[in-house]
C-alpha atoms as a PDB file:
ATOM      1  CA  MET A   1     -21.266  14.566 -25.304  1.00  0.00           C
ATOM      2  CA  GLY A   2     -18.907  17.637 -25.111  1.00  0.00           C
ATOM      3  CA  THR A   3     -15.397  18.256 -26.227  1.00  0.00           C
ATOM      4  CA  ILE A   4     -12.982  18.121 -23.264  1.00  0.00           C
ATOM      5  CA  LEU A   5      -9.534  18.530 -24.907  1.00  0.00           C
ATOM      6  CA  ARG A   6      -8.529  20.024 -28.303  1.00  0.00           C
ATOM      7  CA  TYR A   7      -5.373  19.300 -30.242  1.00  0.00           C
ATOM      8  CA  LYS A   8      -3.940  22.847 -29.789  1.00  0.00           C
ATOM      9  CA  GLU A   9      -4.388  22.552 -25.964  1.00  0.00           C
ATOM     10  CA  PHE A  10      -2.750  19.214 -26.029  1.00  0.00           C
ATOM     11  CA  LEU A  11       0.226  20.469 -27.849  1.00  0.00           C
ATOM     12  CA  ARG A  12       0.907  23.216 -25.258  1.00  0.00           C
ATOM     13  CA  SER A  13       1.914  20.449 -22.800  1.00  0.00           C
ATOM     14  CA  TYR A  14       5.162  19.984 -24.841  1.00  0.00           C
ATOM     15  CA  LYS A  15       7.921  22.520 -24.455  1.00  0.00           C
ATOM     16  CA  THR A  16       9.722  21.704 -27.654  1.00  0.00           C
ATOM     17  CA  ARG A  17       7.879  22.798 -30.756  1.00  0.00           C
ATOM     18  CA  GLY A  18       9.883  20.559 -33.081  1.00  0.00           C
ATOM     19  CA  TYR A  19       8.994  17.528 -31.132  1.00  0.00           C
ATOM     20  CA  ARG A  20       5.303  18.557 -31.500  1.00  0.00           C
ATOM     21  CA  LEU A  21       5.373  18.837 -35.269  1.00  0.00           C
ATOM     22  CA  ASN A  22       7.520  15.688 -36.047  1.00  0.00           C
ATOM     23  CA  HIS A  23       6.182  13.079 -33.778  1.00  0.00           C
ATOM     24  CA  LEU A  24       2.662  14.157 -32.695  1.00  0.00           C
ATOM     25  CA  LYS A  25       0.953  14.565 -36.107  1.00  0.00           C
ATOM     26  CA  LYS A  26      -0.175  10.999 -36.267  1.00  0.00           C
ATOM     27  CA  PHE A  27      -2.159  11.459 -32.925  1.00  0.00           C
ATOM     28  CA  GLU A  28      -4.058  14.356 -34.373  1.00  0.00           C
ATOM     29  CA  LYS A  29      -6.864  12.021 -35.461  1.00  0.00           C
ATOM     30  CA  MET A  30      -7.693  11.390 -31.770  1.00  0.00           C
ATOM     31  CA  PHE A  31      -8.869  14.985 -31.270  1.00  0.00           C
ATOM     32  CA  PRO A  32     -10.938  16.669 -30.198  1.00  0.00           C
ATOM     33  CA  VAL A  33     -11.282  14.361 -27.230  1.00  0.00           C
ATOM     34  CA  LYS A  34     -14.914  14.160 -26.222  1.00  0.00           C
ATOM     35  CA  SER A  35     -16.599  12.959 -23.082  1.00  0.00           C
ATOM     36  CA  SER A  36     -18.136   9.520 -23.249  1.00  0.00           C
ATOM     37  CA  PRO A  37     -19.038   6.669 -20.827  1.00  0.00           C
ATOM     38  CA  LEU A  38     -16.308   4.570 -22.414  1.00  0.00           C
ATOM     39  CA  LEU A  39     -13.613   7.115 -21.671  1.00  0.00           C
ATOM     40  CA  ALA A  40     -15.163   7.785 -18.237  1.00  0.00           C
ATOM     41  CA  GLY A  41     -14.936   3.996 -17.468  1.00  0.00           C
ATOM     42  CA  ILE A  42     -11.255   4.016 -18.435  1.00  0.00           C
ATOM     43  CA  VAL A  43     -10.813   6.903 -15.887  1.00  0.00           C
ATOM     44  CA  GLY A  44     -12.446   4.892 -13.256  1.00  0.00           C
ATOM     45  CA  ASP A  45     -10.178   1.935 -13.923  1.00  0.00           C
ATOM     46  CA  LEU A  46      -7.116   4.275 -13.610  1.00  0.00           C
ATOM     47  CA  MET A  47      -8.390   5.845 -10.383  1.00  0.00           C
ATOM     48  CA  GLY A  48      -8.898   2.315  -9.021  1.00  0.00           C
ATOM     49  CA  ASP A  49      -6.429  -0.425  -9.988  1.00  0.00           C
ATOM     50  CA  GLY A  50      -4.632   1.565 -12.638  1.00  0.00           C
ATOM     51  CA  HIS A  51      -1.618   3.907 -12.478  1.00  0.00           C
ATOM     52  CA  LEU A  52      -0.732   6.828 -14.669  1.00  0.00           C
ATOM     53  CA  GLN A  53       3.046   7.439 -14.577  1.00  0.00           C
ATOM     54  CA  GLY A  54       3.864  11.118 -15.481  1.00  0.00           C
ATOM     55  CA  ASP A  55       6.967  13.091 -16.551  1.00  0.00           C
ATOM     56  CA  PRO A  56       9.601  11.970 -17.612  1.00  0.00           C
ATOM     57  CA  LYS A  57       8.489   8.510 -18.598  1.00  0.00           C
ATOM     58  CA  TRP A  58       4.778   8.645 -19.395  1.00  0.00           C
ATOM     59  CA  ARG A  59       2.971   5.415 -19.360  1.00  0.00           C
ATOM     60  CA  ILE A  60      -0.150   3.606 -18.359  1.00  0.00           C
ATOM     61  CA  ASP A  61      -0.289   0.492 -15.989  1.00  0.00           C
ATOM     62  CA  PHE A  62      -3.346  -1.757 -14.947  1.00  0.00           C
ATOM     63  CA  THR A  63      -2.911  -4.331 -12.342  1.00  0.00           C
ATOM     64  CA  SER A  64      -5.293  -7.091 -11.439  1.00  0.00           C
ATOM     65  CA  LYS A  65      -5.303 -10.805 -10.326  1.00  0.00           C
ATOM     66  CA  GLU A  66      -7.974 -11.525 -13.048  1.00  0.00           C
ATOM     67  CA  GLN A  67      -6.664 -11.834 -16.625  1.00  0.00           C
ATOM     68  CA  SER A  68     -10.184 -11.244 -17.762  1.00  0.00           C
ATOM     69  CA  ASP A  69     -10.098  -7.790 -16.052  1.00  0.00           C
ATOM     70  CA  LEU A  70      -6.742  -7.027 -17.936  1.00  0.00           C
ATOM     71  CA  LYS A  71      -8.225  -7.953 -21.153  1.00  0.00           C
ATOM     72  CA  SER A  72     -11.365  -5.953 -20.681  1.00  0.00           C
ATOM     73  CA  PHE A  73      -9.294  -2.847 -19.883  1.00  0.00           C
ATOM     74  CA  GLU A  74      -7.005  -3.417 -22.852  1.00  0.00           C
ATOM     75  CA  ASN A  75      -9.937  -4.045 -25.265  1.00  0.00           C
ATOM     76  CA  ARG A  76     -11.737  -0.917 -24.137  1.00  0.00           C
ATOM     77  CA  PHE A  77      -8.420   1.117 -24.216  1.00  0.00           C
ATOM     78  CA  LYS A  78      -7.762  -0.123 -27.866  1.00  0.00           C
ATOM     79  CA  ARG A  79     -11.343   0.995 -28.877  1.00  0.00           C
ATOM     80  CA  LEU A  80     -10.682   4.594 -27.733  1.00  0.00           C
ATOM     81  CA  PHE A  81      -7.052   5.127 -28.439  1.00  0.00           C
ATOM     82  CA  GLY A  82      -5.969   2.340 -30.899  1.00  0.00           C
ATOM     83  CA  VAL A  83      -2.991   1.076 -28.706  1.00  0.00           C
ATOM     84  CA  GLY A  84      -2.507  -1.913 -26.532  1.00  0.00           C
ATOM     85  CA  GLY A  85       0.120  -3.205 -24.108  1.00  0.00           C
ATOM     86  CA  LYS A  86       1.832  -6.261 -22.699  1.00  0.00           C
ATOM     87  CA  ILE A  87       0.847  -8.336 -19.764  1.00  0.00           C
ATOM     88  CA  ARG A  88       3.418  -9.587 -17.336  1.00  0.00           C
ATOM     89  CA  LYS A  89       3.430 -11.139 -13.860  1.00  0.00           C
ATOM     90  CA  CYS A  90       4.058  -8.840 -10.899  1.00  0.00           C
ATOM     91  CA  THR A  91       7.253  -9.873  -9.290  1.00  0.00           C
ATOM     92  CA  SER A  92       7.828  -6.964  -6.874  1.00  0.00           C
ATOM     93  CA  ASN A  93       5.761  -8.809  -4.297  1.00  0.00           C
ATOM     94  CA  GLN A  94       6.547 -12.534  -3.853  1.00  0.00           C
ATOM     95  CA  TYR A  95       3.153 -13.014  -2.156  1.00  0.00           C
ATOM     96  CA  SER A  96       1.143 -11.479  -4.875  1.00  0.00           C
ATOM     97  CA  ASN A  97      -0.560 -13.391  -7.704  1.00  0.00           C
ATOM     98  CA  SER A  98      -1.264 -10.281  -9.645  1.00  0.00           C
ATOM     99  CA  PHE A  99      -0.528  -9.264 -13.298  1.00  0.00           C
ATOM    100  CA  ASN A 100       0.313  -5.975 -14.984  1.00  0.00           C
ATOM    101  CA  LEU A 101      -0.761  -4.621 -18.229  1.00  0.00           C
ATOM    102  CA  GLY A 102       1.655  -1.923 -19.278  1.00  0.00           C
ATOM    103  CA  ILE A 103       0.875   0.487 -22.091  1.00  0.00           C
ATOM    104  CA  ASN A 104       3.848   2.607 -23.313  1.00  0.00           C
ATOM    105  CA  CYS A 105       2.339   5.459 -25.285  1.00  0.00           C
ATOM    106  CA  ALA A 106       3.571   8.816 -23.908  1.00  0.00           C
ATOM    107  CA  PRO A 107       0.924  10.991 -25.915  1.00  0.00           C
ATOM    108  CA  VAL A 108      -2.030   9.004 -24.702  1.00  0.00           C
ATOM    109  CA  ALA A 109      -0.713   9.177 -21.128  1.00  0.00           C
ATOM    110  CA  ARG A 110      -0.448  12.955 -21.546  1.00  0.00           C
ATOM    111  CA  ILE A 111      -4.025  13.055 -22.844  1.00  0.00           C
ATOM    112  CA  LEU A 112      -5.270  11.171 -19.891  1.00  0.00           C
ATOM    113  CA  SER A 113      -3.404  13.456 -17.438  1.00  0.00           C
ATOM    114  CA  LYS A 114      -4.944  16.533 -19.270  1.00  0.00           C
ATOM    115  CA  ILE A 115      -8.537  15.306 -18.930  1.00  0.00           C
ATOM    116  CA  GLY A 116      -8.121  14.733 -15.121  1.00  0.00           C
ATOM    117  CA  VAL A 117      -6.418  11.293 -14.462  1.00  0.00           C
ATOM    118  CA  PRO A 118      -3.958  11.999 -11.585  1.00  0.00           C
ATOM    119  CA  SER A 119      -0.391  10.939 -12.325  1.00  0.00           C
ATOM    120  CA  GLY A 120       1.985   9.475  -9.791  1.00  0.00           C
ATOM    121  CA  GLU A 121       0.995   7.917  -6.422  1.00  0.00           C
ATOM    122  CA  LYS A 122      -2.729   8.351  -5.872  1.00  0.00           C
ATOM    123  CA  VAL A 123      -2.453   7.644  -2.146  1.00  0.00           C
ATOM    124  CA  LEU A 124      -0.493  10.904  -1.785  1.00  0.00           C
ATOM    125  CA  GLN A 125      -3.066  13.018  -3.604  1.00  0.00           C
ATOM    126  CA  ASN A 126      -6.458  14.315  -2.579  1.00  0.00           C
ATOM    127  CA  PHE A 127      -8.057  14.471  -6.111  1.00  0.00           C
ATOM    128  CA  GLU A 128     -11.617  14.800  -7.329  1.00  0.00           C
ATOM    129  CA  ILE A 129     -13.699  13.294 -10.021  1.00  0.00           C
ATOM    130  CA  PRO A 130     -13.226  15.197 -13.250  1.00  0.00           C
ATOM    131  CA  LEU A 131     -16.026  17.732 -13.944  1.00  0.00           C
ATOM    132  CA  TRP A 132     -16.972  16.273 -17.312  1.00  0.00           C
ATOM    133  CA  ILE A 133     -17.679  12.941 -15.586  1.00  0.00           C
ATOM    134  CA  LYS A 134     -19.693  14.169 -12.631  1.00  0.00           C
ATOM    135  CA  SER A 135     -21.789  16.605 -14.615  1.00  0.00           C
ATOM    136  CA  GLU A 136     -23.015  13.807 -16.965  1.00  0.00           C
ATOM    137  CA  LYS A 137     -25.046  11.030 -15.530  1.00  0.00           C
ATOM    138  CA  GLU A 138     -23.958   8.273 -17.953  1.00  0.00           C
ATOM    139  CA  CYS A 139     -20.475   9.192 -17.775  1.00  0.00           C
ATOM    140  CA  PHE A 140     -20.677   9.000 -14.040  1.00  0.00           C
ATOM    141  CA  ARG A 141     -22.541   5.635 -14.113  1.00  0.00           C
ATOM    142  CA  GLU A 142     -19.673   4.050 -16.176  1.00  0.00           C
ATOM    143  CA  PHE A 143     -16.875   5.633 -13.980  1.00  0.00           C
ATOM    144  CA  CYS A 144     -18.629   4.106 -10.835  1.00  0.00           C
ATOM    145  CA  ARG A 145     -19.173   0.741 -12.538  1.00  0.00           C
ATOM    146  CA  GLN A 146     -15.382   0.499 -13.149  1.00  0.00           C
ATOM    147  CA  PHE A 147     -14.146   2.072 -10.045  1.00  0.00           C
ATOM    148  CA  PHE A 148     -16.358  -0.091  -7.901  1.00  0.00           C
ATOM    149  CA  THR A 149     -15.284  -3.134  -9.968  1.00  0.00           C
ATOM    150  CA  CYS A 150     -11.638  -2.277  -9.050  1.00  0.00           C
ATOM    151  CA  GLU A 151     -12.129  -1.159  -5.344  1.00  0.00           C
ATOM    152  CA  GLY A 152     -15.210  -2.709  -4.265  1.00  0.00           C
ATOM    153  CA  THR A 153     -15.883  -5.728  -2.061  1.00  0.00           C
ATOM    154  CA  ILE A 154     -19.190  -7.642  -1.600  1.00  0.00           C
ATOM    155  CA  MET A 155     -19.800  -8.786   1.987  1.00  0.00           C
ATOM    156  CA  HIS A 156     -22.175 -11.608   2.848  1.00  0.00           C
ATOM    157  CA  GLU A 157     -23.027 -12.132   6.551  1.00  0.00           C
ATOM    158  CA  GLU A 158     -25.402 -14.844   7.974  1.00  0.00           C
ATOM    159  CA  LYS A 159     -27.274 -12.237  10.076  1.00  0.00           C
ATOM    160  CA  ARG A 160     -28.088 -10.174   7.041  1.00  0.00           C
ATOM    161  CA  LYS A 161     -30.572 -11.174   4.413  1.00  0.00           C
ATOM    162  CA  SER A 162     -28.863  -9.223   1.624  1.00  0.00           C
ATOM    163  CA  PRO A 163     -25.150  -8.571   0.766  1.00  0.00           C
ATOM    164  CA  GLN A 164     -23.433  -5.294   1.555  1.00  0.00           C
ATOM    165  CA  ILE A 165     -20.967  -3.490  -0.783  1.00  0.00           C
ATOM    166  CA  ARG A 166     -17.764  -1.855   0.735  1.00  0.00           C
ATOM    167  CA  LEU A 167     -15.386   0.336  -0.963  1.00  0.00           C
ATOM    168  CA  GLU A 168     -12.094   1.264   0.841  1.00  0.00           C
ATOM    169  CA  ASN A 169      -9.838   4.200  -0.211  1.00  0.00           C
ATOM    170  CA  TRP A 170      -6.477   4.574   1.467  1.00  0.00           C
ATOM    171  CA  LYS A 171      -4.833   7.969   1.688  1.00  0.00           C
ATOM    172  CA  SER A 172      -1.858   9.449   3.356  1.00  0.00           C
ATOM    173  CA  GLU A 173      -2.722  10.779   6.855  1.00  0.00           C
ATOM    174  CA  SER A 174      -0.891  14.044   6.035  1.00  0.00           C
ATOM    175  CA  LEU A 175      -3.528  15.019   3.564  1.00  0.00           C
ATOM    176  CA  THR A 176      -6.177  17.556   4.448  1.00  0.00           C
ATOM    177  CA  ARG A 177      -9.407  15.676   5.334  1.00  0.00           C
ATOM    178  CA  PRO A 178     -11.997  14.866   4.143  1.00  0.00           C
ATOM    179  CA  ASN A 179     -11.352  12.356   1.227  1.00  0.00           C
ATOM    180  CA  LYS A 180     -12.703  14.519  -1.775  1.00  0.00           C
ATOM    181  CA  LEU A 181     -13.164  11.516  -4.007  1.00  0.00           C
ATOM    182  CA  ILE A 182     -15.273   9.607  -1.558  1.00  0.00           C
ATOM    183  CA  GLU A 183     -17.324  12.797  -0.805  1.00  0.00           C
ATOM    184  CA  GLU A 184     -18.167  13.200  -4.468  1.00  0.00           C
ATOM    185  CA  LEU A 185     -18.896   9.462  -5.016  1.00  0.00           C
ATOM    186  CA  CYS A 186     -21.348   9.554  -2.261  1.00  0.00           C
ATOM    187  CA  PHE A 187     -23.052  12.817  -3.424  1.00  0.00           C
ATOM    188  CA  TYR A 188     -23.555  11.753  -6.911  1.00  0.00           C
ATOM    189  CA  LEU A 189     -24.503   8.107  -6.179  1.00  0.00           C
ATOM    190  CA  GLU A 190     -27.530   9.634  -4.299  1.00  0.00           C
ATOM    191  CA  ASP A 191     -28.084  12.594  -6.656  1.00  0.00           C
ATOM    192  CA  TYR A 192     -28.268  10.473  -9.785  1.00  0.00           C
ATOM    193  CA  PHE A 193     -29.437   7.212  -8.604  1.00  0.00           C
ATOM    194  CA  LYS A 194     -30.887   7.555  -5.101  1.00  0.00           C
ATOM    195  CA  ILE A 195     -28.280   5.237  -3.746  1.00  0.00           C
ATOM    196  CA  ARG A 196     -27.502   6.027  -0.092  1.00  0.00           C
ATOM    197  CA  THR A 197     -24.142   5.510   1.485  1.00  0.00           C
ATOM    198  CA  THR A 198     -22.627   5.195   4.882  1.00  0.00           C
ATOM    199  CA  VAL A 199     -19.016   6.599   5.346  1.00  0.00           C
ATOM    200  CA  SER A 200     -16.632   5.572   7.968  1.00  0.00           C
ATOM    201  CA  SER A 201     -13.074   6.393   8.845  1.00  0.00           C
ATOM    202  CA  PRO A 202     -11.694   3.411  10.810  1.00  0.00           C
ATOM    203  CA  SER A 203      -8.748   3.670  13.111  1.00  0.00           C
ATOM    204  CA  ALA A 204      -6.759   1.115  10.994  1.00  0.00           C
ATOM    205  CA  LYS A 205      -3.423   2.494   9.526  1.00  0.00           C
ATOM    206  CA  CYS A 206      -0.490   1.193   7.470  1.00  0.00           C
ATOM    207  CA  CYS A 207       3.123   2.302   7.572  1.00  0.00           C
ATOM    208  CA  ARG A 208       4.630   1.999   4.049  1.00  0.00           C
ATOM    209  CA  LYS A 209       8.186   1.176   3.312  1.00  0.00           C
ATOM    210  CA  ASP A 210       8.825   4.883   2.747  1.00  0.00           C
ATOM    211  CA  LYS A 211       7.521   5.620   6.218  1.00  0.00           C
ATOM    212  CA  VAL A 212       4.372   7.283   4.820  1.00  0.00           C
ATOM    213  CA  ILE A 213       1.369   6.399   7.185  1.00  0.00           C
ATOM    214  CA  THR A 214      -1.882   5.684   5.260  1.00  0.00           C
ATOM    215  CA  ARG A 215      -5.417   5.501   6.725  1.00  0.00           C
ATOM    216  CA  PRO A 216      -8.664   4.136   4.978  1.00  0.00           C
ATOM    217  CA  THR A 217     -11.996   5.823   4.247  1.00  0.00           C
ATOM    218  CA  ARG A 218     -14.792   3.345   3.644  1.00  0.00           C
ATOM    219  CA  ILE A 219     -18.089   3.570   1.815  1.00  0.00           C
ATOM    220  CA  TYR A 220     -20.898   1.096   2.670  1.00  0.00           C
ATOM    221  CA  ILE A 221     -23.940   0.465   0.508  1.00  0.00           C
ATOM    222  CA  LEU A 222     -26.536  -1.231   2.481  1.00  0.00           C
ATOM    223  CA  GLY A 223     -30.116  -2.709   2.285  1.00  0.00           C
ATOM    224  CA  ASP A 224     -32.370  -1.460  -0.498  1.00  0.00           C
ATOM    225  CA  SER A 225     -29.445   0.578  -2.011  1.00  0.00           C
ATOM    226  CA  VAL A 226     -27.597  -2.620  -2.819  1.00  0.00           C
ATOM    227  CA  LYS A 227     -30.441  -3.646  -5.241  1.00  0.00           C
ATOM    228  CA  LEU A 228     -30.367  -0.087  -6.604  1.00  0.00           C
ATOM    229  CA  PHE A 229     -26.656  -0.285  -7.204  1.00  0.00           C
ATOM    230  CA  SER A 230     -26.967  -3.664  -8.851  1.00  0.00           C
ATOM    231  CA  ASN A 231     -29.738  -2.428 -11.223  1.00  0.00           C
ATOM    232  CA  GLU A 232     -28.421   1.117 -11.985  1.00  0.00           C
ATOM    233  CA  ILE A 233     -24.733   0.592 -12.008  1.00  0.00           C
ATOM    234  CA  GLY A 234     -23.431  -2.915 -11.132  1.00  0.00           C
ATOM    235  CA  PHE A 235     -19.960  -4.520 -11.484  1.00  0.00           C
ATOM    236  CA  SER A 236     -18.445  -5.341 -14.890  1.00  0.00           C
ATOM    237  CA  ASN A 237     -16.884  -8.648 -13.800  1.00  0.00           C
ATOM    238  CA  TRP A 238     -17.673 -11.754 -11.687  1.00  0.00           C
ATOM    239  CA  LYS A 239     -18.534  -9.749  -8.652  1.00  0.00           C
ATOM    240  CA  GLN A 240     -21.908  -8.889 -10.171  1.00  0.00           C
ATOM    241  CA  GLU A 241     -23.035 -12.516  -9.851  1.00  0.00           C
ATOM    242  CA  ARG A 242     -22.391 -12.185  -6.049  1.00  0.00           C
ATOM    243  CA  LEU A 243     -25.033  -9.562  -5.846  1.00  0.00           C
ATOM    244  CA  GLU A 244     -27.872 -11.745  -7.162  1.00  0.00           C
ATOM    245  CA  PRO A 245     -30.227 -13.086  -4.502  1.00  0.00           C
END
């Protein structure tokens, strides 16, 4: 696995030299940051149900209805970076039963930004899978496992003998089409694992509170490719059981 971020490169993201020297020395042991499936899975989580908040209040959030998913994310995060967070119930939506894991560690949040995790609202950005992930099969495998665990849905229909997998990704309609993330997922799923996908852009739309209109792009995995996905990638939580015949 190769080096993707060195300490000196990380320090350049800070404007004040004194701050670098006085407060960042204890984080030097994390460097150089090297590509790994574990790190790629964290990136998949953050591009899915996670959120990286950027300047000026750097932090990491991960949201799920399942406490087990939150604990899984936190345990893997601790293995990599040695820091954890606090879980609280989401209260912004009275109809939601979700929980949020918040990790307040600005240096680690900056590291994640430097290695390709988008900060801010993902729905307003047309970003790609980081090169270090898509160029290494095992990193891409773990990225997909966690991204699909966050965003994927398993659909069972009486008229079909086997389940379908559907992944839906919403973006602002003001962005230039096509959805780069979806394009790359489909390309590398087939290139690395022979998993074929079908992409659709339904006419559905959503008008947010800020008046931004979003539209979905969907990936479907059907037929024999569902079994390939289950064997080669799979889900990291209870969803995997629903793929079993």
